[in-house]
Amino acid sequence: MARIKPQALLQQSKKKKGPARISVTTIILNSLIVVVTLFFLYATYRHWSQRSRTQIENRQSVFKGDTDSSFMDSKKSDLPGYAILDTAKGSITVELFKDSSPEVVDQFLDLCHRGHFNGMLFRRVIKHYVIQAGDSDKLEAAEDWTLKGKHYSQLDTSLKHEAFMLGTSKKKRDNGAFELFITTAPIQDLNEKLIVFGKVVKGEDIVQEIEEVDTDEHYRPKSSIAIRSVTLKQSV
């Protein structure tokens, strides 16, 4: 076997390739690519996670709103829609405006349940204008209306200005008083004086009969006429 010279061994070792060296720049660049990729994935996850959460909250809000609305509508539909005033002259049936005057209707219904109107007298009767029932014998609103009661020939005939509307005074009631006014003719400035919360749908002839009673100079009926009781009904 021939012996290999040391110079030949040295040359052969130089020809052999050693492991490739990775530069620092390459390491940094690859690290940056990994970091950017991870950040992009995290940002995408946050975006879609937040979007899904928002959609769920919106759906829950809409569902809650629909539920609350349905509950309020259901509660409102459970309230009586009509009141029958039994008077000494006969019965007057009134449709209550639960949608347009909910707070006043609620107060009226509460007072009906307490029997507040039982025995209440018609205190003022202004012919071709209004009849008023209440606890107080003071003139107040009726006195202010007497001079205007004759001027009803050129009046607006919109819904709240029609005859046979039921309302109560806008005046603040600190003592819990609740007056009832039923118009017997269109009243132009009705909205300025009353909160209209109902309309007579049956018994207009009874209203007119009360309107025709004899009164004194202060428009007080000479013979007592009272509301005996009030009956609440869902429908008539």
C-alpha atoms as a PDB file:
ATOM      1  CA  MET A   1       0.000   0.000   0.000  1.00  0.00           C
ATOM      2  CA  ALA A   2       1.463   3.314  -1.068  1.00  0.00           C
ATOM      3  CA  ARG A   3       2.025   5.919   1.582  1.00  0.00           C
ATOM      4  CA  ILE A   4       0.352   9.286   1.165  1.00  0.00           C
ATOM      5  CA  LYS A   5       2.580  12.239   1.577  1.00  0.00           C
ATOM      6  CA  PRO A   6       1.722  14.879   4.212  1.00  0.00           C
ATOM      7  CA  GLN A   7       1.412  17.590   1.551  1.00  0.00           C
ATOM      8  CA  ALA A   8      -1.205  15.536  -0.304  1.00  0.00           C
ATOM      9  CA  LEU A   9      -3.183  15.029   2.922  1.00  0.00           C
ATOM     10  CA  LEU A  10      -3.103  18.783   3.538  1.00  0.00           C
ATOM     11  CA  GLN A  11      -4.403  19.494   0.067  1.00  0.00           C
ATOM     12  CA  GLN A  12      -7.184  16.915   0.434  1.00  0.00           C
ATOM     13  CA  SER A  13      -8.302  18.407   3.756  1.00  0.00           C
ATOM     14  CA  LYS A  14      -8.522  21.868   2.170  1.00  0.00           C
ATOM     15  CA  LYS A  15     -10.739  20.481  -0.592  1.00  0.00           C
ATOM     16  CA  LYS A  16     -13.292  19.103   1.933  1.00  0.00           C
ATOM     17  CA  LYS A  17     -16.193  21.567   2.581  1.00  0.00           C
ATOM     18  CA  GLY A  18     -17.000  22.426   6.182  1.00  0.00           C
ATOM     19  CA  PRO A  19     -20.527  23.253   7.522  1.00  0.00           C
ATOM     20  CA  ALA A  20     -22.079  26.445   6.102  1.00  0.00           C
ATOM     21  CA  ARG A  21     -22.072  29.377   8.480  1.00  0.00           C
ATOM     22  CA  ILE A  22     -25.378  31.391   9.002  1.00  0.00           C
ATOM     23  CA  SER A  23     -24.789  35.093   9.132  1.00  0.00           C
ATOM     24  CA  VAL A  24     -26.158  37.322  11.896  1.00  0.00           C
ATOM     25  CA  THR A  25     -28.126  39.306   9.339  1.00  0.00           C
ATOM     26  CA  THR A  26     -29.958  36.184   8.179  1.00  0.00           C
ATOM     27  CA  ILE A  27     -30.853  35.267  11.773  1.00  0.00           C
ATOM     28  CA  ILE A  28     -32.206  38.743  12.485  1.00  0.00           C
ATOM     29  CA  LEU A  29     -34.183  38.808   9.245  1.00  0.00           C
ATOM     30  CA  ASN A  30     -35.768  35.431   9.921  1.00  0.00           C
ATOM     31  CA  SER A  31     -36.601  36.467  13.485  1.00  0.00           C
ATOM     32  CA  LEU A  32     -38.304  39.601  12.220  1.00  0.00           C
ATOM     33  CA  ILE A  33     -40.357  37.566   9.752  1.00  0.00           C
ATOM     34  CA  VAL A  34     -41.491  35.242  12.537  1.00  0.00           C
ATOM     35  CA  VAL A  35     -42.377  38.167  14.821  1.00  0.00           C
ATOM     36  CA  VAL A  36     -44.312  39.974  12.092  1.00  0.00           C
ATOM     37  CA  THR A  37     -46.165  36.768  11.202  1.00  0.00           C
ATOM     38  CA  LEU A  38     -47.115  36.151  14.845  1.00  0.00           C
ATOM     39  CA  PHE A  39     -48.225  39.777  15.290  1.00  0.00           C
ATOM     40  CA  PHE A  40     -50.377  39.591  12.154  1.00  0.00           C
ATOM     41  CA  LEU A  41     -52.006  36.365  13.344  1.00  0.00           C
ATOM     42  CA  TYR A  42     -52.667  37.878  16.791  1.00  0.00           C
ATOM     43  CA  ALA A  43     -54.121  41.087  15.301  1.00  0.00           C
ATOM     44  CA  THR A  44     -56.379  39.030  13.012  1.00  0.00           C
ATOM     45  CA  TYR A  45     -57.552  36.953  15.963  1.00  0.00           C
ATOM     46  CA  ARG A  46     -58.297  40.086  18.038  1.00  0.00           C
ATOM     47  CA  HIS A  47     -60.206  41.679  15.158  1.00  0.00           C
ATOM     48  CA  TRP A  48     -62.487  38.719  14.524  1.00  0.00           C
ATOM     49  CA  SER A  49     -62.880  38.019  18.231  1.00  0.00           C
ATOM     50  CA  GLN A  50     -63.929  41.637  18.881  1.00  0.00           C
ATOM     51  CA  ARG A  51     -66.260  41.579  15.872  1.00  0.00           C
ATOM     52  CA  SER A  52     -67.948  38.402  17.057  1.00  0.00           C
ATOM     53  CA  ARG A  53     -68.346  39.831  20.568  1.00  0.00           C
ATOM     54  CA  THR A  54     -69.878  43.032  19.159  1.00  0.00           C
ATOM     55  CA  GLN A  55     -72.318  41.066  17.001  1.00  0.00           C
ATOM     56  CA  ILE A  56     -73.375  38.966  20.000  1.00  0.00           C
ATOM     57  CA  GLU A  57     -73.861  42.090  22.155  1.00  0.00           C
ATOM     58  CA  ASN A  58     -75.881  43.760  19.395  1.00  0.00           C
ATOM     59  CA  ARG A  59     -78.088  40.703  19.051  1.00  0.00           C
ATOM     60  CA  GLN A  60     -78.588  40.574  22.800  1.00  0.00           C
ATOM     61  CA  SER A  61     -79.401  44.302  22.838  1.00  0.00           C
ATOM     62  CA  VAL A  62     -81.923  43.927  20.024  1.00  0.00           C
ATOM     63  CA  PHE A  63     -83.420  40.898  21.717  1.00  0.00           C
ATOM     64  CA  LYS A  64     -83.632  42.753  25.033  1.00  0.00           C
ATOM     65  CA  GLY A  65     -85.173  45.763  23.297  1.00  0.00           C
ATOM     66  CA  ASP A  66     -87.731  43.573  21.555  1.00  0.00           C
ATOM     67  CA  THR A  67     -88.465  41.817  24.834  1.00  0.00           C
ATOM     68  CA  ASP A  68     -88.899  45.099  26.704  1.00  0.00           C
ATOM     69  CA  SER A  69     -91.057  46.494  23.915  1.00  0.00           C
ATOM     70  CA  SER A  70     -93.160  43.359  23.846  1.00  0.00           C
ATOM     71  CA  PHE A  71     -93.476  43.473  27.629  1.00  0.00           C
ATOM     72  CA  MET A  72     -94.572  47.122  27.552  1.00  0.00           C
ATOM     73  CA  ASP A  73     -97.029  46.435  24.735  1.00  0.00           C
ATOM     74  CA  SER A  74     -98.365  43.441  26.634  1.00  0.00           C
ATOM     75  CA  LYS A  75     -98.650  45.479  29.834  1.00  0.00           C
ATOM     76  CA  LYS A  76    -100.415  48.275  27.967  1.00  0.00           C
ATOM     77  CA  SER A  77    -102.829  45.869  26.287  1.00  0.00           C
ATOM     78  CA  ASP A  78    -103.727  44.424  29.703  1.00  0.00           C
ATOM     79  CA  LEU A  79    -104.973  47.816  30.893  1.00  0.00           C
ATOM     80  CA  PRO A  80    -108.698  48.540  30.629  1.00  0.00           C
ATOM     81  CA  GLY A  81    -109.508  50.462  27.473  1.00  0.00           C
ATOM     82  CA  TYR A  82    -112.896  51.795  28.536  1.00  0.00           C
ATOM     83  CA  ALA A  83    -114.521  53.407  31.555  1.00  0.00           C
ATOM     84  CA  ILE A  84    -118.268  53.500  32.186  1.00  0.00           C
ATOM     85  CA  LEU A  85    -119.384  56.442  34.312  1.00  0.00           C
ATOM     86  CA  ASP A  86    -122.665  55.617  36.022  1.00  0.00           C
ATOM     87  CA  THR A  87    -124.429  58.922  36.738  1.00  0.00           C
ATOM     88  CA  ALA A  88    -127.809  59.893  38.113  1.00  0.00           C
ATOM     89  CA  LYS A  89    -128.920  60.564  34.519  1.00  0.00           C
ATOM     90  CA  GLY A  90    -127.529  57.360  33.003  1.00  0.00           C
ATOM     91  CA  SER A  91    -124.270  55.750  31.875  1.00  0.00           C
ATOM     92  CA  ILE A  92    -121.495  57.410  29.874  1.00  0.00           C
ATOM     93  CA  THR A  93    -118.971  55.111  28.181  1.00  0.00           C
ATOM     94  CA  VAL A  94    -115.522  56.581  27.534  1.00  0.00           C
ATOM     95  CA  GLU A  95    -112.707  55.163  25.423  1.00  0.00           C
ATOM     96  CA  LEU A  96    -109.341  55.806  27.100  1.00  0.00           C
ATOM     97  CA  PHE A  97    -106.351  57.009  25.079  1.00  0.00           C
ATOM     98  CA  LYS A  98    -103.770  54.604  26.512  1.00  0.00           C
ATOM     99  CA  ASP A  99    -101.198  55.355  23.793  1.00  0.00           C
ATOM    100  CA  SER A 100    -101.341  59.142  23.576  1.00  0.00           C
ATOM    101  CA  SER A 101    -101.870  59.898  27.291  1.00  0.00           C
ATOM    102  CA  PRO A 102    -100.465  56.880  29.180  1.00  0.00           C
ATOM    103  CA  GLU A 103     -99.493  58.651  32.422  1.00  0.00           C
ATOM    104  CA  VAL A 104    -102.849  60.366  32.877  1.00  0.00           C
ATOM    105  CA  VAL A 105    -104.722  57.173  31.996  1.00  0.00           C
ATOM    106  CA  ASP A 106    -102.648  55.269  34.575  1.00  0.00           C
ATOM    107  CA  GLN A 107    -103.501  57.872  37.220  1.00  0.00           C
ATOM    108  CA  PHE A 108    -107.171  57.797  36.255  1.00  0.00           C
ATOM    109  CA  LEU A 109    -107.283  53.977  36.451  1.00  0.00           C
ATOM    110  CA  ASP A 110    -105.542  54.016  39.827  1.00  0.00           C
ATOM    111  CA  LEU A 111    -108.103  56.489  41.183  1.00  0.00           C
ATOM    112  CA  CYS A 112    -110.932  54.379  39.773  1.00  0.00           C
ATOM    113  CA  HIS A 113    -109.624  51.331  41.649  1.00  0.00           C
ATOM    114  CA  ARG A 114    -109.569  53.417  44.832  1.00  0.00           C
ATOM    115  CA  GLY A 115    -113.169  54.534  44.301  1.00  0.00           C
ATOM    116  CA  HIS A 116    -112.078  58.157  44.047  1.00  0.00           C
ATOM    117  CA  PHE A 117    -114.845  59.134  41.626  1.00  0.00           C
ATOM    118  CA  ASN A 118    -117.685  57.385  43.443  1.00  0.00           C
ATOM    119  CA  GLY A 119    -120.112  60.092  44.538  1.00  0.00           C
ATOM    120  CA  MET A 120    -118.192  62.875  42.769  1.00  0.00           C
ATOM    121  CA  LEU A 121    -120.519  65.770  41.832  1.00  0.00           C
ATOM    122  CA  PHE A 122    -120.721  67.682  38.579  1.00  0.00           C
ATOM    123  CA  ARG A 123    -119.692  71.094  39.900  1.00  0.00           C
ATOM    124  CA  ARG A 124    -120.020  73.205  36.765  1.00  0.00           C
ATOM    125  CA  VAL A 125    -122.249  72.920  33.708  1.00  0.00           C
ATOM    126  CA  ILE A 126    -121.549  75.450  30.961  1.00  0.00           C
ATOM    127  CA  LYS A 127    -124.056  74.933  28.180  1.00  0.00           C
ATOM    128  CA  HIS A 128    -122.605  74.353  24.709  1.00  0.00           C
ATOM    129  CA  TYR A 129    -119.164  74.127  26.238  1.00  0.00           C
ATOM    130  CA  VAL A 130    -118.239  71.728  29.031  1.00  0.00           C
ATOM    131  CA  ILE A 131    -119.447  69.839  32.088  1.00  0.00           C
ATOM    132  CA  GLN A 132    -117.040  69.514  35.011  1.00  0.00           C
ATOM    133  CA  ALA A 133    -116.946  66.979  37.827  1.00  0.00           C
ATOM    134  CA  GLY A 134    -114.613  67.405  40.776  1.00  0.00           C
ATOM    135  CA  ASP A 135    -114.071  67.475  44.513  1.00  0.00           C
ATOM    136  CA  SER A 136    -113.630  71.243  44.819  1.00  0.00           C
ATOM    137  CA  ASP A 137    -116.436  73.794  44.532  1.00  0.00           C
ATOM    138  CA  LYS A 138    -114.013  76.574  43.539  1.00  0.00           C
ATOM    139  CA  LEU A 139    -114.576  78.204  40.166  1.00  0.00           C
ATOM    140  CA  GLU A 140    -110.944  78.077  38.959  1.00  0.00           C
ATOM    141  CA  ALA A 141    -110.838  76.717  35.395  1.00  0.00           C
ATOM    142  CA  ALA A 142    -114.589  76.878  34.816  1.00  0.00           C
ATOM    143  CA  GLU A 143    -114.681  80.572  35.720  1.00  0.00           C
ATOM    144  CA  ASP A 144    -111.950  81.308  33.194  1.00  0.00           C
ATOM    145  CA  TRP A 145    -113.892  79.448  30.525  1.00  0.00           C
ATOM    146  CA  THR A 146    -117.311  81.030  30.952  1.00  0.00           C
ATOM    147  CA  LEU A 147    -116.655  84.070  28.771  1.00  0.00           C
ATOM    148  CA  LYS A 148    -115.008  81.943  26.102  1.00  0.00           C
ATOM    149  CA  GLY A 149    -117.740  79.352  26.129  1.00  0.00           C
ATOM    150  CA  LYS A 150    -119.936  81.407  23.818  1.00  0.00           C
ATOM    151  CA  HIS A 151    -117.304  81.731  21.107  1.00  0.00           C
ATOM    152  CA  TYR A 152    -117.308  78.311  19.488  1.00  0.00           C
ATOM    153  CA  SER A 153    -118.607  79.036  15.972  1.00  0.00           C
ATOM    154  CA  GLN A 154    -115.195  79.424  14.284  1.00  0.00           C
ATOM    155  CA  LEU A 155    -113.216  76.658  15.953  1.00  0.00           C
ATOM    156  CA  ASP A 156    -110.742  74.085  14.764  1.00  0.00           C
ATOM    157  CA  THR A 157    -112.334  70.657  14.457  1.00  0.00           C
ATOM    158  CA  SER A 158    -109.268  68.457  14.875  1.00  0.00           C
ATOM    159  CA  LEU A 159    -109.600  65.332  17.047  1.00  0.00           C
ATOM    160  CA  LYS A 160    -108.759  66.958  20.379  1.00  0.00           C
ATOM    161  CA  HIS A 161    -111.024  69.904  19.624  1.00  0.00           C
ATOM    162  CA  GLU A 162    -114.137  67.829  19.037  1.00  0.00           C
ATOM    163  CA  ALA A 163    -117.115  67.606  21.352  1.00  0.00           C
ATOM    164  CA  PHE A 164    -117.468  64.800  23.898  1.00  0.00           C
ATOM    165  CA  MET A 165    -113.757  64.654  24.712  1.00  0.00           C
ATOM    166  CA  LEU A 166    -112.711  63.630  28.240  1.00  0.00           C
ATOM    167  CA  GLY A 167    -109.868  65.476  29.903  1.00  0.00           C
ATOM    168  CA  THR A 168    -108.427  66.706  33.158  1.00  0.00           C
ATOM    169  CA  SER A 169    -106.873  70.010  34.130  1.00  0.00           C
ATOM    170  CA  LYS A 170    -103.210  70.636  33.384  1.00  0.00           C
ATOM    171  CA  LYS A 171    -102.926  72.471  36.670  1.00  0.00           C
ATOM    172  CA  LYS A 172    -100.593  70.752  39.142  1.00  0.00           C
ATOM    173  CA  ARG A 173    -102.566  68.775  41.693  1.00  0.00           C
ATOM    174  CA  ASP A 174    -100.679  68.761  45.006  1.00  0.00           C
ATOM    175  CA  ASN A 175    -103.679  67.509  46.987  1.00  0.00           C
ATOM    176  CA  GLY A 176    -104.362  64.523  44.738  1.00  0.00           C
ATOM    177  CA  ALA A 177    -107.477  66.095  43.196  1.00  0.00           C
ATOM    178  CA  PHE A 178    -108.425  64.919  39.731  1.00  0.00           C
ATOM    179  CA  GLU A 179    -111.130  66.851  37.894  1.00  0.00           C
ATOM    180  CA  LEU A 180    -113.050  65.441  34.949  1.00  0.00           C
ATOM    181  CA  PHE A 181    -114.112  67.624  32.035  1.00  0.00           C
ATOM    182  CA  ILE A 182    -116.348  66.443  29.198  1.00  0.00           C
ATOM    183  CA  THR A 183    -116.673  68.919  26.337  1.00  0.00           C
ATOM    184  CA  THR A 184    -120.085  69.437  24.758  1.00  0.00           C
ATOM    185  CA  ALA A 185    -118.828  71.482  21.785  1.00  0.00           C
ATOM    186  CA  PRO A 186    -115.542  71.955  19.886  1.00  0.00           C
ATOM    187  CA  ILE A 187    -113.101  74.061  21.911  1.00  0.00           C
ATOM    188  CA  GLN A 188    -110.297  75.824  20.068  1.00  0.00           C
ATOM    189  CA  ASP A 189    -107.855  76.179  22.959  1.00  0.00           C
ATOM    190  CA  LEU A 190    -108.707  72.854  24.545  1.00  0.00           C
ATOM    191  CA  ASN A 191    -105.095  71.630  24.438  1.00  0.00           C
ATOM    192  CA  GLU A 192    -103.973  74.664  26.406  1.00  0.00           C
ATOM    193  CA  LYS A 193    -106.386  73.926  29.242  1.00  0.00           C
ATOM    194  CA  LEU A 194    -106.784  70.154  29.421  1.00  0.00           C
ATOM    195  CA  ILE A 195    -104.907  66.915  29.046  1.00  0.00           C
ATOM    196  CA  VAL A 196    -107.282  64.981  26.818  1.00  0.00           C
ATOM    197  CA  PHE A 197    -107.184  61.278  27.667  1.00  0.00           C
ATOM    198  CA  GLY A 198    -110.459  59.894  26.388  1.00  0.00           C
ATOM    199  CA  LYS A 199    -113.574  60.297  24.278  1.00  0.00           C
ATOM    200  CA  VAL A 200    -117.229  59.513  24.895  1.00  0.00           C
ATOM    201  CA  VAL A 201    -118.250  56.661  22.572  1.00  0.00           C
ATOM    202  CA  LYS A 202    -121.641  55.930  24.110  1.00  0.00           C
ATOM    203  CA  GLY A 203    -123.971  58.055  26.209  1.00  0.00           C
ATOM    204  CA  GLU A 204    -123.583  61.362  24.383  1.00  0.00           C
ATOM    205  CA  ASP A 205    -127.301  61.890  25.045  1.00  0.00           C
ATOM    206  CA  ILE A 206    -126.619  61.555  28.782  1.00  0.00           C
ATOM    207  CA  VAL A 207    -123.921  64.229  28.531  1.00  0.00           C
ATOM    208  CA  GLN A 208    -126.374  66.508  26.727  1.00  0.00           C
ATOM    209  CA  GLU A 209    -129.042  65.800  29.329  1.00  0.00           C
ATOM    210  CA  ILE A 210    -126.645  66.846  32.095  1.00  0.00           C
ATOM    211  CA  GLU A 211    -125.771  69.907  30.028  1.00  0.00           C
ATOM    212  CA  GLU A 212    -129.441  70.985  29.998  1.00  0.00           C
ATOM    213  CA  VAL A 213    -129.934  71.098  33.785  1.00  0.00           C
ATOM    214  CA  ASP A 214    -130.742  74.399  35.449  1.00  0.00           C
ATOM    215  CA  THR A 215    -127.754  76.229  36.923  1.00  0.00           C
ATOM    216  CA  ASP A 216    -127.186  79.340  39.012  1.00  0.00           C
ATOM    217  CA  GLU A 217    -125.219  82.410  37.960  1.00  0.00           C
ATOM    218  CA  HIS A 218    -121.968  80.531  38.677  1.00  0.00           C
ATOM    219  CA  TYR A 219    -122.940  77.617  36.410  1.00  0.00           C
ATOM    220  CA  ARG A 220    -123.491  75.307  39.370  1.00  0.00           C
ATOM    221  CA  PRO A 221    -126.344  72.802  38.903  1.00  0.00           C
ATOM    222  CA  LYS A 222    -129.313  73.630  41.102  1.00  0.00           C
ATOM    223  CA  SER A 223    -129.954  69.918  41.661  1.00  0.00           C
ATOM    224  CA  SER A 224    -127.081  67.583  42.519  1.00  0.00           C
ATOM    225  CA  ILE A 225    -125.840  65.250  39.782  1.00  0.00           C
ATOM    226  CA  ALA A 226    -123.151  62.768  40.779  1.00  0.00           C
ATOM    227  CA  ILE A 227    -121.012  60.013  39.331  1.00  0.00           C
ATOM    228  CA  ARG A 228    -122.219  57.006  41.275  1.00  0.00           C
ATOM    229  CA  SER A 229    -119.448  54.652  40.257  1.00  0.00           C
ATOM    230  CA  VAL A 230    -116.920  53.911  37.503  1.00  0.00           C
ATOM    231  CA  THR A 231    -116.642  50.473  35.865  1.00  0.00           C
ATOM    232  CA  LEU A 232    -113.494  49.598  33.906  1.00  0.00           C
ATOM    233  CA  LYS A 233    -113.596  47.233  30.926  1.00  0.00           C
ATOM    234  CA  GLN A 234    -111.196  45.904  28.312  1.00  0.00           C
ATOM    235  CA  SER A 235    -113.768  46.329  25.566  1.00  0.00           C
ATOM    236  CA  VAL A 236    -117.395  47.292  25.056  1.00  0.00           C
END
